[in-house]
Amino acid sequence: MSHIASIQIGTVIHEGVEDAPNPMERPWTTAFYKSSISQPIRLTKLGLEGDQVADSKHHGGPEKAVLCYAASHYAAWRTEHPELEMSAGAFGENLTIIDADETSVCIGDVYQLGECTVEVSQPRQPCWKISRRWGVKTLTKEVTRTGRTGWYLRIINEGTVHVGQELVRVARPNPEWMVARANDVMFGREIDRMAVIELMNLAALSD
């Protein structure tokens, strides 16, 4: 049974050095840095209370209220990038999940999470901020290539969540549309016009 290994929230910060020779050190605004919390926290239609987004055009909102990431991915990242001290929250996720990943979670899956009801809305689409956060130019491409993207949730029923809480799946309307397959179609690894059309018309997929 999958459950929450860790919960993270973050606030918007500004960092960097003007005119730094290395583009990875120049100023940026971000809420990518997340801190783990141990106490129960309210989960609303717009995400975890206290969690912020720096770019509301591309992040956050009801269709991307919560970012989930598989705890199992961190072993691979630590092997591939031992120079980076990665642990829960390293990819900006709100919920680090045990016993779930992109191959076992489908678009439209509905889970009961205590008093909350949540639905998988889309894969996380890796952006430049992953590379910027860790100072590794290739890291965003590596996330795309490996398929270790994470996935977003929309919140159907609000409530309180806590570390250790189980995610109990109560519906799976699209068993053929694992997050991993959606990634393959979106990134051009599965080249099938009908699959593209089917994914585009998937009711549970965020706009």
Protein backbone atom coordinates (compact mmCIF):
# COMPACT_ATOMS: atom_id res chain seq x y z
CA MET A 1 0.00 0.00 0.00
CA SER A 2 1.43 3.38 -0.98
CA HIS A 3 1.77 6.01 1.71
CA ILE A 4 3.26 9.42 2.39
CA ALA A 5 6.95 9.20 3.32
CA SER A 6 7.46 12.94 3.64
CA ILE A 7 5.59 16.24 3.26
CA GLN A 8 7.28 19.42 2.04
CA ILE A 9 6.26 23.05 1.66
CA GLY A 10 8.22 26.11 0.56
CA THR A 11 8.05 29.89 0.26
CA VAL A 12 9.14 32.19 -2.54
CA ILE A 13 12.74 33.37 -2.30
CA HIS A 14 15.07 35.43 -4.47
CA GLU A 15 18.71 34.42 -4.83
CA GLY A 16 21.66 34.72 -7.17
CA VAL A 17 24.38 37.16 -8.13
CA GLU A 18 23.92 39.83 -10.79
CA ASP A 19 26.16 39.35 -13.83
CA ALA A 20 27.58 36.09 -12.48
CA PRO A 21 29.74 34.40 -15.17
CA ASN A 22 27.91 31.12 -14.57
CA PRO A 23 24.26 31.39 -15.66
CA MET A 24 23.40 28.87 -12.94
CA GLU A 25 24.39 31.47 -10.34
CA ARG A 26 22.42 34.42 -11.70
CA PRO A 27 19.32 35.82 -9.95
CA TRP A 28 16.10 33.88 -9.99
CA THR A 29 12.86 33.73 -8.05
CA THR A 30 11.65 30.35 -6.87
CA ALA A 31 9.72 28.32 -4.33
CA PHE A 32 11.55 25.15 -5.37
CA TYR A 33 13.31 24.80 -2.04
CA LYS A 34 11.00 22.78 0.18
CA SER A 35 11.26 22.01 3.89
CA SER A 36 9.89 18.83 5.43
CA ILE A 37 7.19 19.17 8.03
CA SER A 38 6.23 16.59 10.63
CA GLN A 39 2.89 17.93 11.85
CA PRO A 40 -0.49 17.35 10.12
CA ILE A 41 -1.26 20.01 7.50
CA ARG A 42 -4.37 21.21 5.72
CA LEU A 43 -4.77 20.21 2.08
CA THR A 44 -6.98 22.58 0.08
CA LYS A 45 -8.09 22.82 -3.55
CA LEU A 46 -5.00 24.97 -4.17
CA GLY A 47 -2.52 22.75 -2.34
CA LEU A 48 -0.92 22.50 1.07
CA GLU A 49 -1.46 25.46 3.37
CA GLY A 50 1.69 27.56 3.53
CA ASP A 51 3.13 26.28 0.26
CA GLN A 52 3.85 28.96 -2.34
CA VAL A 53 4.61 29.13 -6.06
CA ALA A 54 6.80 31.73 -7.74
CA ASP A 55 5.33 31.37 -11.24
CA SER A 56 1.55 30.99 -11.00
CA LYS A 57 1.25 30.86 -14.80
CA HIS A 58 3.06 27.53 -15.03
CA HIS A 59 2.82 26.13 -11.50
CA GLY A 60 0.15 25.61 -8.90
CA GLY A 61 -3.57 26.12 -9.31
CA PRO A 62 -6.35 23.55 -8.89
CA GLU A 63 -5.06 21.29 -11.68
CA LYS A 64 -1.54 21.16 -10.20
CA ALA A 65 -2.35 21.57 -6.53
CA VAL A 66 0.13 19.00 -5.23
CA LEU A 67 3.28 17.54 -6.75
CA CYS A 68 4.04 13.91 -5.86
CA TYR A 69 7.36 12.14 -6.34
CA ALA A 70 8.36 8.51 -5.90
CA ALA A 71 10.64 7.90 -2.93
CA SER A 72 12.17 4.98 -4.82
CA HIS A 73 13.72 7.33 -7.41
CA TYR A 74 16.16 8.82 -4.95
CA ALA A 75 18.37 5.74 -4.83
CA ALA A 76 18.94 6.03 -8.58
CA TRP A 77 19.62 9.77 -8.41
CA ARG A 78 22.13 9.29 -5.62
CA THR A 79 23.92 6.66 -7.70
CA GLU A 80 23.94 8.84 -10.83
CA HIS A 81 24.75 12.07 -9.02
CA PRO A 82 26.62 11.25 -5.81
CA GLU A 83 27.86 14.85 -5.74
CA LEU A 84 24.32 16.08 -5.08
CA GLU A 85 22.88 15.62 -1.61
CA MET A 86 19.40 14.64 -2.67
CA SER A 87 16.68 13.59 -0.27
CA ALA A 88 12.90 13.97 0.00
CA GLY A 89 11.82 17.27 -1.51
CA ALA A 90 14.87 17.55 -3.76
CA PHE A 91 12.67 17.79 -6.85
CA GLY A 92 10.35 20.35 -5.33
CA GLU A 93 7.65 17.83 -4.54
CA ASN A 94 5.05 18.31 -1.83
CA LEU A 95 4.49 14.62 -1.17
CA THR A 96 7.20 11.98 -1.38
CA ILE A 97 5.40 8.68 -1.87
CA ILE A 98 6.49 5.14 -0.99
CA ASP A 99 5.33 2.22 -3.17
CA ALA A 100 4.11 4.31 -6.09
CA ASP A 101 5.77 5.66 -9.21
CA GLU A 102 5.00 6.62 -12.81
CA THR A 103 4.54 2.98 -13.83
CA SER A 104 1.96 2.26 -11.13
CA VAL A 105 -0.04 5.50 -11.14
CA CYS A 106 -2.52 6.33 -13.91
CA ILE A 107 -4.04 9.57 -15.12
CA GLY A 108 -7.42 9.91 -13.43
CA ASP A 109 -6.64 7.58 -10.51
CA VAL A 110 -8.68 8.64 -7.48
CA TYR A 111 -7.25 8.09 -4.01
CA GLN A 112 -8.64 8.47 -0.53
CA LEU A 113 -6.07 10.14 1.67
CA GLY A 114 -7.61 10.22 5.12
CA GLU A 115 -10.51 12.64 4.84
CA CYS A 116 -9.19 13.96 1.53
CA THR A 117 -10.03 12.72 -1.94
CA VAL A 118 -7.45 13.40 -4.65
CA GLU A 119 -7.17 12.68 -8.37
CA VAL A 120 -4.11 12.32 -10.60
CA SER A 121 -4.30 15.15 -13.13
CA GLN A 122 -1.09 15.00 -15.21
CA PRO A 123 2.60 14.12 -15.25
CA ARG A 124 4.98 16.79 -14.02
CA GLN A 125 6.50 18.50 -17.06
CA PRO A 126 10.15 19.07 -16.14
CA CYS A 127 11.33 22.66 -16.55
CA TRP A 128 14.64 24.53 -16.39
CA LYS A 129 14.25 25.18 -12.68
CA ILE A 130 15.30 21.61 -11.86
CA SER A 131 18.69 22.25 -13.46
CA ARG A 132 18.93 25.70 -11.92
CA ARG A 133 18.17 24.40 -8.43
CA TRP A 134 20.98 21.85 -8.55
CA GLY A 135 23.43 23.65 -10.81
CA VAL A 136 23.51 20.77 -13.29
CA LYS A 137 22.70 21.84 -16.85
CA THR A 138 21.68 18.35 -17.97
CA LEU A 139 19.44 17.48 -15.03
CA THR A 140 16.11 18.55 -16.53
CA LYS A 141 16.86 16.47 -19.62
CA GLU A 142 17.80 13.54 -17.39
CA VAL A 143 14.45 13.75 -15.61
CA THR A 144 12.70 13.69 -18.99
CA ARG A 145 14.83 10.84 -20.34
CA THR A 146 14.43 8.62 -17.28
CA GLY A 147 10.72 9.30 -16.86
CA ARG A 148 11.26 10.10 -13.17
CA THR A 149 9.07 13.16 -13.48
CA GLY A 150 6.55 12.89 -10.68
CA TRP A 151 2.84 13.64 -11.08
CA TYR A 152 0.28 16.22 -10.02
CA LEU A 153 -2.92 15.89 -8.04
CA ARG A 154 -6.14 17.86 -8.08
CA ILE A 155 -8.03 17.95 -4.80
CA ILE A 156 -11.64 16.78 -4.86
CA ASN A 157 -12.29 16.87 -1.11
CA GLU A 158 -10.18 18.97 1.24
CA GLY A 159 -8.90 17.86 4.64
CA THR A 160 -5.81 17.21 6.72
CA VAL A 161 -2.88 15.00 5.71
CA HIS A 162 0.11 13.70 7.62
CA VAL A 163 3.28 11.66 7.19
CA GLY A 164 2.58 7.92 7.12
CA GLN A 165 -0.92 8.31 5.74
CA GLU A 166 -2.00 5.68 3.21
CA LEU A 167 -3.23 6.47 -0.28
CA VAL A 168 -6.12 4.12 -0.91
CA ARG A 169 -7.09 3.90 -4.57
CA VAL A 170 -10.86 4.02 -5.00
CA ALA A 171 -11.13 4.45 -8.78
CA ARG A 172 -9.05 3.80 -11.89
CA PRO A 173 -10.95 4.94 -14.99
CA ASN A 174 -7.91 4.86 -17.31
CA PRO A 175 -5.83 1.75 -16.54
CA GLU A 176 -4.11 1.98 -19.93
CA TRP A 177 -2.83 5.49 -19.21
CA MET A 178 -0.03 5.16 -16.71
CA VAL A 179 1.82 8.39 -16.02
CA ALA A 180 4.85 6.72 -17.64
CA ARG A 181 2.94 6.15 -20.87
CA ALA A 182 1.62 9.71 -20.88
CA ASN A 183 5.23 10.84 -20.56
CA ASP A 184 6.25 8.64 -23.47
CA VAL A 185 3.58 10.17 -25.69
CA MET A 186 4.26 13.74 -24.59
CA PHE A 187 8.02 13.38 -25.03
CA GLY A 188 7.75 11.56 -28.37
CA ARG A 189 8.92 8.15 -27.21
CA GLU A 190 5.61 6.57 -28.25
CA ILE A 191 4.88 7.77 -31.76
CA ASP A 192 1.26 6.88 -32.40
CA ARG A 193 -1.19 9.45 -33.74
CA MET A 194 -4.16 7.65 -32.20
CA ALA A 195 -2.47 7.56 -28.82
CA VAL A 196 -1.87 11.30 -29.02
CA ILE A 197 -5.52 11.92 -29.85
CA GLU A 198 -6.67 9.58 -27.08
CA LEU A 199 -4.47 11.30 -24.52
CA MET A 200 -5.59 14.76 -25.66
CA ASN A 201 -9.20 13.75 -25.14
CA LEU A 202 -8.70 12.06 -21.78
CA ALA A 203 -11.27 13.69 -19.53
CA ALA A 204 -9.14 13.43 -16.40
CA LEU A 205 -6.06 15.02 -18.01
CA SER A 206 -5.64 18.66 -16.99
CA ASP A 207 -6.19 21.23 -19.72
